[in-house]
Amino acid sequence: MRNPVHAVLSLVLTFFSVACTWLIAGAEFLGIALILVYVGAVMVLFLFVVMMLDIDVEPLRAGFARYLPFGLLVAVVMLLEILTLIGIKAQVALPFGPEPEGSNVQWIARRLFTEFLLPFETAAVILTVAVIAAVMLTLRRRPGAKRQDPGEQARVRAEDRIRMIKMDPVRPTPRTAPIEAGQTEIKP
């Protein structure tokens, strides 16, 4: 897919499909978290960034017809594979039984805070360091950068900002009259 906007929208559709797979498998927490985090936040950000790039897609569409037969063949093969897998799974599928350890949220919480505590805490520390580094990079002082000082803005009085000047009204002379629409030079 050469159009970046369509590629990002396809990725959003893929995330929805994976979330539905998690929901069907009984992992409601993971499915909802995938929708909220990836589709709701990350992919919307990607979509806005790609849309703001303003990429010219006309040259990219030129070779579309040349690859269409190959793309249709791949799509048909993948559809047949999916239908075959669904048919095989439907014949041997067992209904989901009650989970012995409670809900999937409890299962994930037990695993995260017992077996996987060290990797979980390590990931949290790495992400915290990354956020702090990103903030420090954006807040560093650059030469020539203008900054606002809220304290100085609060101390400003109206008398210090505007100076009123008394002057006599001036009538425009024909030479200083404004140019009318379509007029190229000022006529006296």
N, C-alpha and C. Protein backbone atom coordinates (compact mmCIF):
# COMPACT_ATOMS: atom_id res chain seq x y z
N MET A 1 0.85 -1.16 0.00
CA MET A 1 0.00 0.00 0.00
C MET A 1 0.90 1.24 0.00
N ARG A 2 0.75 2.06 -1.00
CA ARG A 2 1.65 3.19 -1.13
C ARG A 2 1.11 4.48 -0.55
N ASN A 3 -0.18 4.58 -0.40
CA ASN A 3 -0.75 5.79 0.20
C ASN A 3 -0.62 5.67 1.72
N PRO A 4 0.12 6.57 2.35
CA PRO A 4 0.36 6.43 3.78
C PRO A 4 -0.90 6.54 4.63
N VAL A 5 -1.86 7.35 4.20
CA VAL A 5 -3.10 7.47 4.97
C VAL A 5 -3.86 6.15 4.95
N HIS A 6 -3.93 5.52 3.77
CA HIS A 6 -4.60 4.22 3.68
C HIS A 6 -3.85 3.16 4.47
N ALA A 7 -2.53 3.24 4.49
CA ALA A 7 -1.74 2.28 5.26
C ALA A 7 -2.03 2.41 6.75
N VAL A 8 -2.11 3.63 7.25
CA VAL A 8 -2.40 3.83 8.67
C VAL A 8 -3.82 3.38 8.99
N LEU A 9 -4.77 3.67 8.11
CA LEU A 9 -6.15 3.22 8.34
C LEU A 9 -6.23 1.69 8.32
N SER A 10 -5.45 1.05 7.46
CA SER A 10 -5.41 -0.41 7.45
C SER A 10 -4.81 -0.95 8.73
N LEU A 11 -3.81 -0.27 9.26
CA LEU A 11 -3.23 -0.69 10.54
C LEU A 11 -4.24 -0.55 11.67
N VAL A 12 -5.06 0.51 11.63
CA VAL A 12 -6.13 0.66 12.62
C VAL A 12 -7.11 -0.51 12.51
N LEU A 13 -7.49 -0.88 11.29
CA LEU A 13 -8.38 -2.02 11.09
C LEU A 13 -7.75 -3.31 11.59
N THR A 14 -6.45 -3.47 11.39
CA THR A 14 -5.75 -4.65 11.90
C THR A 14 -5.79 -4.69 13.42
N PHE A 15 -5.57 -3.55 14.07
CA PHE A 15 -5.64 -3.51 15.53
C PHE A 15 -7.04 -3.86 16.02
N PHE A 16 -8.07 -3.38 15.32
CA PHE A 16 -9.43 -3.75 15.70
C PHE A 16 -9.64 -5.26 15.56
N SER A 17 -9.12 -5.84 14.49
CA SER A 17 -9.26 -7.28 14.28
C SER A 17 -8.56 -8.07 15.39
N VAL A 18 -7.36 -7.65 15.76
CA VAL A 18 -6.64 -8.34 16.83
C VAL A 18 -7.38 -8.18 18.15
N ALA A 19 -7.94 -7.00 18.38
CA ALA A 19 -8.71 -6.78 19.61
C ALA A 19 -9.93 -7.69 19.64
N CYS A 20 -10.59 -7.85 18.51
CA CYS A 20 -11.74 -8.77 18.45
C CYS A 20 -11.30 -10.20 18.70
N THR A 21 -10.13 -10.57 18.21
CA THR A 21 -9.60 -11.91 18.47
C THR A 21 -9.38 -12.11 19.96
N TRP A 22 -8.82 -11.11 20.63
CA TRP A 22 -8.63 -11.20 22.08
C TRP A 22 -9.97 -11.32 22.79
N LEU A 23 -10.96 -10.55 22.36
CA LEU A 23 -12.27 -10.61 22.99
C LEU A 23 -12.92 -11.98 22.81
N ILE A 24 -12.80 -12.55 21.61
CA ILE A 24 -13.37 -13.87 21.35
C ILE A 24 -12.67 -14.93 22.18
N ALA A 25 -11.36 -14.78 22.38
CA ALA A 25 -10.60 -15.75 23.17
C ALA A 25 -10.86 -15.63 24.66
N GLY A 26 -11.62 -14.62 25.08
CA GLY A 26 -11.96 -14.47 26.48
C GLY A 26 -11.05 -13.53 27.25
N ALA A 27 -10.14 -12.87 26.56
CA ALA A 27 -9.24 -11.92 27.23
C ALA A 27 -9.78 -10.51 27.02
N GLU A 28 -10.83 -10.19 27.76
CA GLU A 28 -11.51 -8.91 27.57
C GLU A 28 -10.60 -7.73 27.89
N PHE A 29 -9.82 -7.85 28.93
CA PHE A 29 -8.95 -6.74 29.32
C PHE A 29 -7.95 -6.40 28.22
N LEU A 30 -7.32 -7.44 27.65
CA LEU A 30 -6.34 -7.18 26.59
C LEU A 30 -6.99 -6.60 25.34
N GLY A 31 -8.19 -7.07 25.00
CA GLY A 31 -8.88 -6.54 23.83
C GLY A 31 -9.25 -5.07 23.99
N ILE A 32 -9.81 -4.73 25.14
CA ILE A 32 -10.20 -3.34 25.38
C ILE A 32 -8.97 -2.45 25.51
N ALA A 33 -7.92 -2.95 26.16
CA ALA A 33 -6.69 -2.16 26.28
C ALA A 33 -6.07 -1.91 24.91
N LEU A 34 -6.11 -2.90 24.03
CA LEU A 34 -5.57 -2.72 22.68
C LEU A 34 -6.35 -1.65 21.93
N ILE A 35 -7.65 -1.66 22.06
CA ILE A 35 -8.46 -0.64 21.37
C ILE A 35 -8.18 0.74 21.95
N LEU A 36 -8.16 0.85 23.28
CA LEU A 36 -7.96 2.16 23.89
C LEU A 36 -6.57 2.72 23.64
N VAL A 37 -5.55 1.90 23.82
CA VAL A 37 -4.18 2.41 23.73
C VAL A 37 -3.75 2.58 22.28
N TYR A 38 -3.84 1.52 21.50
CA TYR A 38 -3.30 1.59 20.14
C TYR A 38 -4.22 2.35 19.20
N VAL A 39 -5.48 1.95 19.14
CA VAL A 39 -6.39 2.60 18.19
C VAL A 39 -6.76 3.99 18.68
N GLY A 40 -7.01 4.13 19.96
CA GLY A 40 -7.48 5.40 20.48
C GLY A 40 -6.42 6.46 20.59
N ALA A 41 -5.19 6.09 20.77
CA ALA A 41 -4.16 7.09 21.01
C ALA A 41 -3.06 7.04 19.96
N VAL A 42 -2.36 5.95 19.89
CA VAL A 42 -1.16 5.88 19.04
C VAL A 42 -1.52 6.00 17.57
N MET A 43 -2.51 5.25 17.10
CA MET A 43 -2.81 5.27 15.68
C MET A 43 -3.46 6.58 15.25
N VAL A 44 -4.23 7.20 16.10
CA VAL A 44 -4.80 8.51 15.76
C VAL A 44 -3.67 9.53 15.61
N LEU A 45 -2.68 9.45 16.48
CA LEU A 45 -1.51 10.33 16.36
C LEU A 45 -0.79 10.08 15.04
N PHE A 46 -0.55 8.80 14.70
CA PHE A 46 0.10 8.48 13.42
C PHE A 46 -0.72 9.01 12.26
N LEU A 47 -2.02 8.85 12.32
CA LEU A 47 -2.88 9.29 11.23
C LEU A 47 -2.79 10.80 11.03
N PHE A 48 -2.82 11.57 12.09
CA PHE A 48 -2.71 13.02 11.95
C PHE A 48 -1.34 13.43 11.42
N VAL A 49 -0.29 12.78 11.86
CA VAL A 49 1.05 13.11 11.37
C VAL A 49 1.14 12.81 9.88
N VAL A 50 0.65 11.67 9.46
CA VAL A 50 0.72 11.30 8.05
C VAL A 50 -0.14 12.24 7.21
N MET A 51 -1.31 12.62 7.73
CA MET A 51 -2.16 13.53 6.96
C MET A 51 -1.54 14.91 6.84
N MET A 52 -0.77 15.33 7.83
CA MET A 52 -0.14 16.65 7.76
C MET A 52 1.07 16.66 6.84
N LEU A 53 1.59 15.49 6.46
CA LEU A 53 2.74 15.45 5.57
C LEU A 53 2.39 15.91 4.16
N ASP A 54 1.12 15.79 3.77
CA ASP A 54 0.64 16.23 2.46
C ASP A 54 1.47 15.60 1.33
N ILE A 55 1.43 14.29 1.26
CA ILE A 55 2.20 13.55 0.26
C ILE A 55 1.40 13.49 -1.03
N ASP A 56 2.06 13.73 -2.16
CA ASP A 56 1.42 13.65 -3.47
C ASP A 56 1.33 12.18 -3.86
N VAL A 57 0.10 11.66 -4.00
CA VAL A 57 -0.09 10.24 -4.25
C VAL A 57 -0.30 9.91 -5.72
N GLU A 58 -0.41 10.90 -6.58
CA GLU A 58 -0.63 10.61 -8.00
C GLU A 58 0.50 9.79 -8.62
N PRO A 59 1.77 10.12 -8.38
CA PRO A 59 2.83 9.27 -8.95
C PRO A 59 2.81 7.85 -8.38
N LEU A 60 2.32 7.70 -7.16
CA LEU A 60 2.28 6.38 -6.55
C LEU A 60 1.19 5.50 -7.15
N ARG A 61 0.13 6.12 -7.68
CA ARG A 61 -0.97 5.35 -8.26
C ARG A 61 -0.68 4.88 -9.68
N ALA A 62 0.37 5.38 -10.29
CA ALA A 62 0.64 5.07 -11.69
C ALA A 62 0.83 3.58 -11.93
N GLY A 63 1.51 2.86 -11.03
CA GLY A 63 1.78 1.44 -11.25
C GLY A 63 0.79 0.51 -10.59
N PHE A 64 -0.38 1.02 -10.17
CA PHE A 64 -1.36 0.20 -9.46
C PHE A 64 -1.91 -0.93 -10.33
N ALA A 65 -2.31 -0.62 -11.55
CA ALA A 65 -2.93 -1.62 -12.43
C ALA A 65 -1.97 -2.74 -12.77
N ARG A 66 -0.69 -2.46 -12.78
CA ARG A 66 0.30 -3.48 -13.13
C ARG A 66 0.36 -4.58 -12.07
N TYR A 67 0.15 -4.23 -10.79
CA TYR A 67 0.25 -5.20 -9.70
C TYR A 67 -1.10 -5.73 -9.25
N LEU A 68 -2.19 -5.28 -9.85
CA LEU A 68 -3.52 -5.70 -9.43
C LEU A 68 -3.76 -7.20 -9.55
N PRO A 69 -3.42 -7.87 -10.66
CA PRO A 69 -3.65 -9.32 -10.73
C PRO A 69 -2.89 -10.10 -9.65
N PHE A 70 -1.66 -9.74 -9.41
CA PHE A 70 -0.87 -10.43 -8.37
C PHE A 70 -1.49 -10.20 -7.00
N GLY A 71 -1.93 -8.99 -6.72
CA GLY A 71 -2.56 -8.69 -5.44
C GLY A 71 -3.86 -9.46 -5.25
N LEU A 72 -4.67 -9.57 -6.31
CA LEU A 72 -5.91 -10.34 -6.22
C LEU A 72 -5.62 -11.82 -5.97
N LEU A 73 -4.59 -12.36 -6.62
CA LEU A 73 -4.21 -13.76 -6.41
C LEU A 73 -3.80 -14.01 -4.96
N VAL A 74 -2.98 -13.13 -4.41
CA VAL A 74 -2.56 -13.26 -3.01
C VAL A 74 -3.76 -13.15 -2.08
N ALA A 75 -4.69 -12.24 -2.37
CA ALA A 75 -5.88 -12.07 -1.53
C ALA A 75 -6.75 -13.32 -1.55
N VAL A 76 -6.92 -13.94 -2.72
CA VAL A 76 -7.74 -15.16 -2.82
C VAL A 76 -7.08 -16.31 -2.07
N VAL A 77 -5.76 -16.46 -2.20
CA VAL A 77 -5.05 -17.52 -1.48
C VAL A 77 -5.18 -17.33 0.03
N MET A 78 -5.01 -16.10 0.50
CA MET A 78 -5.14 -15.85 1.94
C MET A 78 -6.57 -16.10 2.42
N LEU A 79 -7.56 -15.73 1.63
CA LEU A 79 -8.95 -15.98 2.01
C LEU A 79 -9.22 -17.48 2.11
N LEU A 80 -8.71 -18.26 1.16
CA LEU A 80 -8.88 -19.72 1.22
C LEU A 80 -8.20 -20.30 2.45
N GLU A 81 -7.01 -19.81 2.79
CA GLU A 81 -6.32 -20.29 3.99
C GLU A 81 -7.13 -19.99 5.24
N ILE A 82 -7.65 -18.79 5.34
CA ILE A 82 -8.43 -18.41 6.52
C ILE A 82 -9.69 -19.26 6.63
N LEU A 83 -10.40 -19.46 5.50
CA LEU A 83 -11.61 -20.27 5.54
C LEU A 83 -11.30 -21.72 5.89
N THR A 84 -10.17 -22.24 5.41
CA THR A 84 -9.76 -23.60 5.75
C THR A 84 -9.48 -23.72 7.24
N LEU A 85 -8.75 -22.76 7.79
CA LEU A 85 -8.46 -22.79 9.23
C LEU A 85 -9.73 -22.67 10.07
N ILE A 86 -10.65 -21.82 9.64
CA ILE A 86 -11.90 -21.68 10.38
C ILE A 86 -12.69 -22.99 10.34
N GLY A 87 -12.71 -23.65 9.19
CA GLY A 87 -13.41 -24.93 9.08
C GLY A 87 -12.80 -26.01 9.94
N ILE A 88 -11.47 -26.08 9.99
CA ILE A 88 -10.79 -27.07 10.83
C ILE A 88 -11.04 -26.78 12.30
N LYS A 89 -10.94 -25.54 12.70
CA LYS A 89 -11.14 -25.18 14.10
C LYS A 89 -12.59 -25.42 14.52
N ALA A 90 -13.55 -25.20 13.62
CA ALA A 90 -14.95 -25.39 13.97
C ALA A 90 -15.26 -26.86 14.24
N GLN A 91 -14.55 -27.76 13.58
CA GLN A 91 -14.80 -29.19 13.77
C GLN A 91 -14.26 -29.69 15.10
N VAL A 92 -13.16 -29.11 15.58
CA VAL A 92 -12.53 -29.60 16.81
C VAL A 92 -12.64 -28.61 17.96
N ALA A 93 -13.46 -27.59 17.80
CA ALA A 93 -13.53 -26.55 18.83
C ALA A 93 -14.21 -27.07 20.08
N LEU A 94 -13.65 -26.70 21.21
CA LEU A 94 -14.24 -27.01 22.50
C LEU A 94 -14.77 -25.71 23.09
N PRO A 95 -15.91 -25.76 23.72
CA PRO A 95 -16.42 -24.52 24.32
C PRO A 95 -15.53 -24.08 25.47
N PHE A 96 -15.47 -22.78 25.66
CA PHE A 96 -14.68 -22.25 26.77
C PHE A 96 -15.36 -22.61 28.08
N GLY A 97 -14.59 -23.09 29.01
CA GLY A 97 -15.12 -23.43 30.33
C GLY A 97 -14.81 -22.32 31.31
N PRO A 98 -15.27 -22.47 32.52
CA PRO A 98 -14.95 -21.45 33.52
C PRO A 98 -13.46 -21.46 33.82
N GLU A 99 -12.92 -20.29 33.98
CA GLU A 99 -11.48 -20.18 34.25
C GLU A 99 -11.22 -20.53 35.71
N PRO A 100 -10.25 -21.40 35.96
CA PRO A 100 -10.03 -21.83 37.34
C PRO A 100 -9.46 -20.74 38.24
N GLU A 101 -8.77 -19.76 37.67
CA GLU A 101 -8.09 -18.75 38.49
C GLU A 101 -8.86 -17.44 38.56
N GLY A 102 -10.06 -17.37 38.09
CA GLY A 102 -10.80 -16.11 38.10
C GLY A 102 -10.77 -15.46 36.73
N SER A 103 -10.99 -14.16 36.70
CA SER A 103 -11.04 -13.45 35.42
C SER A 103 -9.64 -13.26 34.85
N ASN A 104 -9.61 -12.85 33.58
CA ASN A 104 -8.31 -12.66 32.95
C ASN A 104 -7.56 -11.46 33.53
N VAL A 105 -8.27 -10.50 34.09
CA VAL A 105 -7.60 -9.36 34.72
C VAL A 105 -6.85 -9.84 35.96
N GLN A 106 -7.48 -10.71 36.73
CA GLN A 106 -6.79 -11.26 37.91
C GLN A 106 -5.60 -12.11 37.49
N TRP A 107 -5.75 -12.88 36.42
CA TRP A 107 -4.65 -13.73 35.94
C TRP A 107 -3.46 -12.87 35.51
N ILE A 108 -3.74 -11.80 34.74
CA ILE A 108 -2.66 -10.91 34.29
C ILE A 108 -2.00 -10.24 35.48
N ALA A 109 -2.81 -9.78 36.44
CA ALA A 109 -2.24 -9.11 37.62
C ALA A 109 -1.35 -10.05 38.42
N ARG A 110 -1.80 -11.30 38.61
CA ARG A 110 -0.96 -12.26 39.34
C ARG A 110 0.36 -12.51 38.63
N ARG A 111 0.30 -12.67 37.32
CA ARG A 111 1.53 -12.96 36.56
C ARG A 111 2.47 -11.75 36.57
N LEU A 112 1.91 -10.54 36.39
CA LEU A 112 2.76 -9.34 36.34
C LEU A 112 3.46 -9.08 37.66
N PHE A 113 2.77 -9.31 38.75
CA PHE A 113 3.35 -8.96 40.05
C PHE A 113 3.94 -10.14 40.80
N THR A 114 4.02 -11.31 40.17
CA THR A 114 4.72 -12.45 40.80
C THR A 114 5.83 -12.93 39.88
N GLU A 115 5.47 -13.63 38.81
CA GLU A 115 6.48 -14.21 37.92
C GLU A 115 7.25 -13.16 37.13
N PHE A 116 6.57 -12.13 36.67
CA PHE A 116 7.19 -11.15 35.77
C PHE A 116 7.39 -9.80 36.44
N LEU A 117 7.62 -9.79 37.74
CA LEU A 117 7.77 -8.52 38.46
C LEU A 117 9.02 -7.77 38.01
N LEU A 118 10.16 -8.45 37.91
CA LEU A 118 11.40 -7.77 37.52
C LEU A 118 11.32 -7.19 36.09
N PRO A 119 10.88 -7.96 35.08
CA PRO A 119 10.75 -7.35 33.75
C PRO A 119 9.73 -6.21 33.71
N PHE A 120 8.66 -6.35 34.47
CA PHE A 120 7.63 -5.31 34.51
C PHE A 120 8.19 -4.02 35.11
N GLU A 121 8.90 -4.13 36.22
CA GLU A 121 9.50 -2.95 36.85
C GLU A 121 10.61 -2.36 35.98
N THR A 122 11.38 -3.21 35.31
CA THR A 122 12.44 -2.72 34.42
C THR A 122 11.83 -1.92 33.27
N ALA A 123 10.76 -2.43 32.68
CA ALA A 123 10.09 -1.70 31.60
C ALA A 123 9.54 -0.36 32.11
N ALA A 124 9.02 -0.35 33.32
CA ALA A 124 8.50 0.90 33.89
C ALA A 124 9.61 1.92 34.09
N VAL A 125 10.77 1.47 34.58
CA VAL A 125 11.90 2.39 34.78
C VAL A 125 12.40 2.92 33.44
N ILE A 126 12.52 2.04 32.44
CA ILE A 126 13.00 2.47 31.12
C ILE A 126 12.04 3.50 30.52
N LEU A 127 10.74 3.26 30.62
CA LEU A 127 9.77 4.22 30.08
C LEU A 127 9.81 5.54 30.83
N THR A 128 10.01 5.49 32.15
CA THR A 128 10.11 6.73 32.93
C THR A 128 11.34 7.53 32.52
N VAL A 129 12.47 6.85 32.34
CA VAL A 129 13.69 7.54 31.90
C VAL A 129 13.49 8.14 30.51
N ALA A 130 12.80 7.43 29.62
CA ALA A 130 12.55 7.95 28.28
C ALA A 130 11.68 9.20 28.32
N VAL A 131 10.67 9.21 29.17
CA VAL A 131 9.80 10.39 29.28
C VAL A 131 10.58 11.57 29.84
N ILE A 132 11.40 11.33 30.87
CA ILE A 132 12.20 12.41 31.45
C ILE A 132 13.19 12.95 30.41
N ALA A 133 13.81 12.07 29.64
CA ALA A 133 14.76 12.52 28.61
C ALA A 133 14.05 13.34 27.54
N ALA A 134 12.85 12.93 27.13
CA ALA A 134 12.11 13.69 26.13
C ALA A 134 11.75 15.07 26.64
N VAL A 135 11.34 15.15 27.90
CA VAL A 135 11.00 16.46 28.49
C VAL A 135 12.25 17.33 28.58
N MET A 136 13.36 16.76 29.00
CA MET A 136 14.60 17.54 29.12
C MET A 136 15.08 18.05 27.76
N LEU A 137 14.93 17.23 26.71
CA LEU A 137 15.34 17.67 25.38
C LEU A 137 14.48 18.82 24.87
N THR A 138 13.21 18.81 25.20
CA THR A 138 12.35 19.90 24.72
C THR A 138 12.45 21.15 25.57
N LEU A 139 12.87 21.03 26.82
CA LEU A 139 12.95 22.19 27.69
C LEU A 139 14.33 22.81 27.79
N ARG A 140 15.31 22.27 27.09
CA ARG A 140 16.66 22.83 27.20
C ARG A 140 16.70 24.23 26.59
N ARG A 141 17.62 25.04 27.07
CA ARG A 141 17.76 26.42 26.60
C ARG A 141 18.53 26.42 25.29
N ARG A 142 17.94 27.03 24.29
CA ARG A 142 18.61 27.17 23.00
C ARG A 142 18.94 28.64 22.81
N PRO A 143 20.09 28.92 22.22
CA PRO A 143 20.42 30.33 21.99
C PRO A 143 19.46 30.94 20.98
N GLY A 144 18.95 32.10 21.31
CA GLY A 144 18.05 32.81 20.41
C GLY A 144 16.59 32.41 20.56
N ALA A 145 16.30 31.42 21.39
CA ALA A 145 14.91 31.01 21.58
C ALA A 145 14.21 31.99 22.52
N LYS A 146 13.01 32.37 22.17
CA LYS A 146 12.26 33.31 23.00
C LYS A 146 11.39 32.51 23.96
N ARG A 147 11.33 32.99 25.18
CA ARG A 147 10.55 32.31 26.22
C ARG A 147 9.64 33.33 26.90
N GLN A 148 8.57 32.84 27.45
CA GLN A 148 7.66 33.69 28.19
C GLN A 148 7.97 33.57 29.68
N ASP A 149 7.85 34.69 30.36
CA ASP A 149 8.01 34.71 31.80
C ASP A 149 6.67 35.11 32.40
N PRO A 150 5.93 34.16 32.96
CA PRO A 150 4.60 34.49 33.49
C PRO A 150 4.64 35.54 34.59
N GLY A 151 5.68 35.54 35.41
CA GLY A 151 5.79 36.55 36.47
C GLY A 151 5.90 37.95 35.89
N GLU A 152 6.72 38.08 34.85
CA GLU A 152 6.88 39.39 34.21
C GLU A 152 5.58 39.81 33.52
N GLN A 153 4.88 38.86 32.92
CA GLN A 153 3.61 39.18 32.27
C GLN A 153 2.57 39.64 33.29
N ALA A 154 2.58 39.06 34.46
CA ALA A 154 1.61 39.44 35.49
C ALA A 154 1.91 40.82 36.06
N ARG A 155 3.18 41.24 36.07
CA ARG A 155 3.56 42.54 36.63
C ARG A 155 3.31 43.70 35.67
N VAL A 156 3.03 43.44 34.42
CA VAL A 156 2.85 44.52 33.44
C VAL A 156 1.54 45.25 33.71
N ARG A 157 1.60 46.59 33.64
CA ARG A 157 0.41 47.43 33.81
C ARG A 157 0.02 47.99 32.45
N ALA A 158 -1.24 48.35 32.32
CA ALA A 158 -1.74 48.88 31.05
C ALA A 158 -1.04 50.17 30.68
N GLU A 159 -0.70 51.00 31.68
CA GLU A 159 -0.04 52.28 31.39
C GLU A 159 1.34 52.06 30.79
N ASP A 160 1.98 50.95 31.13
CA ASP A 160 3.32 50.68 30.61
C ASP A 160 3.30 50.13 29.19
N ARG A 161 2.17 49.61 28.76
CA ARG A 161 2.12 48.97 27.45
C ARG A 161 1.70 49.91 26.34
N ILE A 162 0.76 50.80 26.61
CA ILE A 162 0.20 51.65 25.57
C ILE A 162 0.50 53.11 25.90
N ARG A 163 0.92 53.85 24.90
CA ARG A 163 1.17 55.28 25.08
C ARG A 163 0.20 56.02 24.18
N MET A 164 -0.62 56.86 24.78
CA MET A 164 -1.61 57.63 24.04
C MET A 164 -0.96 58.92 23.54
N ILE A 165 -1.13 59.22 22.28
CA ILE A 165 -0.57 60.43 21.68
C ILE A 165 -1.71 61.27 21.15
N LYS A 166 -1.69 62.57 21.51
CA LYS A 166 -2.70 63.49 20.99
C LYS A 166 -2.15 64.13 19.73
N MET A 167 -2.92 64.11 18.67
CA MET A 167 -2.50 64.77 17.44
C MET A 167 -3.73 65.22 16.68
N ASP A 168 -3.53 66.21 15.84
CA ASP A 168 -4.62 66.75 15.04
C ASP A 168 -4.95 65.76 13.93
N PRO A 169 -6.23 65.71 13.57
CA PRO A 169 -6.60 64.81 12.47
C PRO A 169 -6.01 65.30 11.16
N VAL A 170 -5.65 64.41 10.31
CA VAL A 170 -5.03 64.74 9.03
C VAL A 170 -5.93 64.22 7.92
N ARG A 171 -6.25 65.15 6.97
CA ARG A 171 -7.03 64.73 5.81
C ARG A 171 -6.07 64.21 4.75
N PRO A 172 -6.41 63.10 4.14
CA PRO A 172 -5.52 62.59 3.09
C PRO A 172 -5.55 63.49 1.87
N THR A 173 -4.40 63.76 1.33
CA THR A 173 -4.30 64.51 0.09
C THR A 173 -4.49 63.54 -1.05
N PRO A 174 -4.74 64.07 -2.26
CA PRO A 174 -4.95 63.14 -3.39
C PRO A 174 -3.75 62.20 -3.60
N ARG A 175 -2.55 62.62 -3.26
CA ARG A 175 -1.39 61.75 -3.47
C ARG A 175 -1.32 60.63 -2.43
N THR A 176 -1.91 60.83 -1.27
CA THR A 176 -1.86 59.79 -0.24
C THR A 176 -3.16 59.00 -0.15
N ALA A 177 -4.07 59.24 -1.12
CA ALA A 177 -5.34 58.50 -1.11
C ALA A 177 -5.06 57.02 -1.42
N PRO A 178 -5.85 56.15 -0.88
CA PRO A 178 -5.62 54.72 -1.13
C PRO A 178 -5.89 54.36 -2.58
N ILE A 179 -5.20 53.35 -3.06
CA ILE A 179 -5.36 52.89 -4.44
C ILE A 179 -6.65 52.10 -4.54
N GLU A 180 -7.44 52.40 -5.58
CA GLU A 180 -8.68 51.67 -5.78
C GLU A 180 -8.39 50.35 -6.46
N ALA A 181 -9.36 49.46 -6.43
CA ALA A 181 -9.17 48.13 -7.01
C ALA A 181 -8.93 48.26 -8.51
N GLY A 182 -7.91 47.62 -8.99
CA GLY A 182 -7.58 47.63 -10.40
C GLY A 182 -6.73 48.80 -10.83
N GLN A 183 -6.52 49.79 -9.99
CA GLN A 183 -5.72 50.96 -10.33
C GLN A 183 -4.25 50.65 -10.08
N THR A 184 -3.41 50.91 -11.05
CA THR A 184 -2.00 50.57 -10.93
C THR A 184 -1.17 51.73 -10.38
N GLU A 185 -1.56 52.94 -10.65
CA GLU A 185 -0.79 54.07 -10.13
C GLU A 185 -1.74 55.11 -9.57
N ILE A 186 -1.22 55.93 -8.71
CA ILE A 186 -2.04 56.97 -8.09
C ILE A 186 -2.10 58.16 -9.03
N LYS A 187 -3.32 58.59 -9.34
CA LYS A 187 -3.50 59.74 -10.22
C LYS A 187 -3.80 60.96 -9.37
N PRO A 188 -3.09 62.08 -9.59
CA PRO A 188 -3.35 63.29 -8.80
C PRO A 188 -4.66 63.96 -9.14
